[in-house]
Amino acid sequence: MAAARALATHLARSRPLDRKLVSSVMTTGFGGSDAEGLWNWRDAYEAIEAATVLQIRRLAP
């Protein structure tokens, strides 16, 4: 959820979630890279989905 919250912050600033940004956020959140096996891109996609939901909830009346 920490990665999702960090990604939601970027969405709130209208920043696109490109591969480099997502990788950086995930690496920071998990304390290591996908190459080290600490997270995988499926985890990243889940974090992006959760970030999107957080952003929608923030914008909803």
C-alpha atoms as a PDB file:
ATOM      1  CA  MET A   1       0.000   0.000   0.000  1.00  0.00           C
ATOM      2  CA  ALA A   2       2.926   2.351   0.551  1.00  0.00           C
ATOM      3  CA  ALA A   3       3.828   2.111  -3.122  1.00  0.00           C
ATOM      4  CA  ALA A   4       0.190   2.679  -4.095  1.00  0.00           C
ATOM      5  CA  ARG A   5       0.010   5.786  -1.910  1.00  0.00           C
ATOM      6  CA  ALA A   6       3.226   7.121  -3.424  1.00  0.00           C
ATOM      7  CA  LEU A   7       1.924   6.484  -6.937  1.00  0.00           C
ATOM      8  CA  ALA A   8      -1.397   8.136  -6.063  1.00  0.00           C
ATOM      9  CA  THR A   9       0.538  11.252  -5.083  1.00  0.00           C
ATOM     10  CA  HIS A  10       2.050  11.346  -8.563  1.00  0.00           C
ATOM     11  CA  LEU A  11      -1.395  10.865 -10.108  1.00  0.00           C
ATOM     12  CA  ALA A  12      -2.724  13.756  -8.017  1.00  0.00           C
ATOM     13  CA  ARG A  13      -0.012  15.936  -9.556  1.00  0.00           C
ATOM     14  CA  SER A  14      -1.107  14.789 -13.042  1.00  0.00           C
ATOM     15  CA  ARG A  15       2.219  13.074 -13.581  1.00  0.00           C
ATOM     16  CA  PRO A  16       2.071  10.065 -15.917  1.00  0.00           C
ATOM     17  CA  LEU A  17       3.051   6.754 -14.382  1.00  0.00           C
ATOM     18  CA  ASP A  18       5.782   5.674 -16.765  1.00  0.00           C
ATOM     19  CA  ARG A  19       7.967   2.607 -16.330  1.00  0.00           C
ATOM     20  CA  LYS A  20      10.865   4.547 -14.818  1.00  0.00           C
ATOM     21  CA  LEU A  21       8.703   6.224 -12.168  1.00  0.00           C
ATOM     22  CA  VAL A  22       6.882   3.026 -11.237  1.00  0.00           C
ATOM     23  CA  SER A  23      10.161   1.135 -10.986  1.00  0.00           C
ATOM     24  CA  SER A  24      11.657   3.838  -8.785  1.00  0.00           C
ATOM     25  CA  VAL A  25       8.654   3.930  -6.446  1.00  0.00           C
ATOM     26  CA  MET A  26       8.527   0.150  -6.200  1.00  0.00           C
ATOM     27  CA  THR A  27      12.269  -0.131  -5.571  1.00  0.00           C
ATOM     28  CA  THR A  28      12.068   2.477  -2.823  1.00  0.00           C
ATOM     29  CA  GLY A  29       8.989   0.894  -1.280  1.00  0.00           C
ATOM     30  CA  PHE A  30      10.368  -2.631  -1.286  1.00  0.00           C
ATOM     31  CA  GLY A  31      13.959  -1.745  -0.446  1.00  0.00           C
ATOM     32  CA  GLY A  32      15.349  -3.285  -3.620  1.00  0.00           C
ATOM     33  CA  SER A  33      14.762  -3.878  -7.294  1.00  0.00           C
ATOM     34  CA  ASP A  34      12.786  -6.351  -9.321  1.00  0.00           C
ATOM     35  CA  ALA A  35      16.108  -7.752 -10.567  1.00  0.00           C
ATOM     36  CA  GLU A  36      16.926  -8.620  -6.959  1.00  0.00           C
ATOM     37  CA  GLY A  37      13.595 -10.419  -6.702  1.00  0.00           C
ATOM     38  CA  LEU A  38      12.100  -8.141  -4.051  1.00  0.00           C
ATOM     39  CA  TRP A  39       9.107  -7.293  -6.220  1.00  0.00           C
ATOM     40  CA  ASN A  40       7.823  -8.114  -9.696  1.00  0.00           C
ATOM     41  CA  TRP A  41       5.859  -6.255 -12.336  1.00  0.00           C
ATOM     42  CA  ARG A  42       2.655  -7.969 -11.317  1.00  0.00           C
ATOM     43  CA  ASP A  43       3.095  -6.319  -7.910  1.00  0.00           C
ATOM     44  CA  ALA A  44       3.665  -3.009  -9.709  1.00  0.00           C
ATOM     45  CA  TYR A  45       0.456  -3.400 -11.712  1.00  0.00           C
ATOM     46  CA  GLU A  46      -1.438  -4.098  -8.485  1.00  0.00           C
ATOM     47  CA  ALA A  47       0.081  -0.963  -6.908  1.00  0.00           C
ATOM     48  CA  ILE A  48      -0.932   1.096  -9.954  1.00  0.00           C
ATOM     49  CA  GLU A  49      -4.469  -0.256  -9.733  1.00  0.00           C
ATOM     50  CA  ALA A  50      -4.661   0.559  -6.018  1.00  0.00           C
ATOM     51  CA  ALA A  51      -3.233   4.044  -6.678  1.00  0.00           C
ATOM     52  CA  THR A  52      -5.915   4.623  -9.294  1.00  0.00           C
ATOM     53  CA  VAL A  53      -8.629   3.624  -6.838  1.00  0.00           C
ATOM     54  CA  LEU A  54      -7.147   5.920  -4.170  1.00  0.00           C
ATOM     55  CA  GLN A  55      -7.098   8.797  -6.653  1.00  0.00           C
ATOM     56  CA  ILE A  56     -10.692   8.167  -7.743  1.00  0.00           C
ATOM     57  CA  ARG A  57     -11.813   8.042  -4.116  1.00  0.00           C
ATOM     58  CA  ARG A  58     -10.017  11.321  -3.458  1.00  0.00           C
ATOM     59  CA  LEU A  59     -11.777  13.007  -6.371  1.00  0.00           C
ATOM     60  CA  ALA A  60     -15.219  11.534  -5.718  1.00  0.00           C
ATOM     61  CA  PRO A  61     -17.772  13.847  -4.081  1.00  0.00           C
END
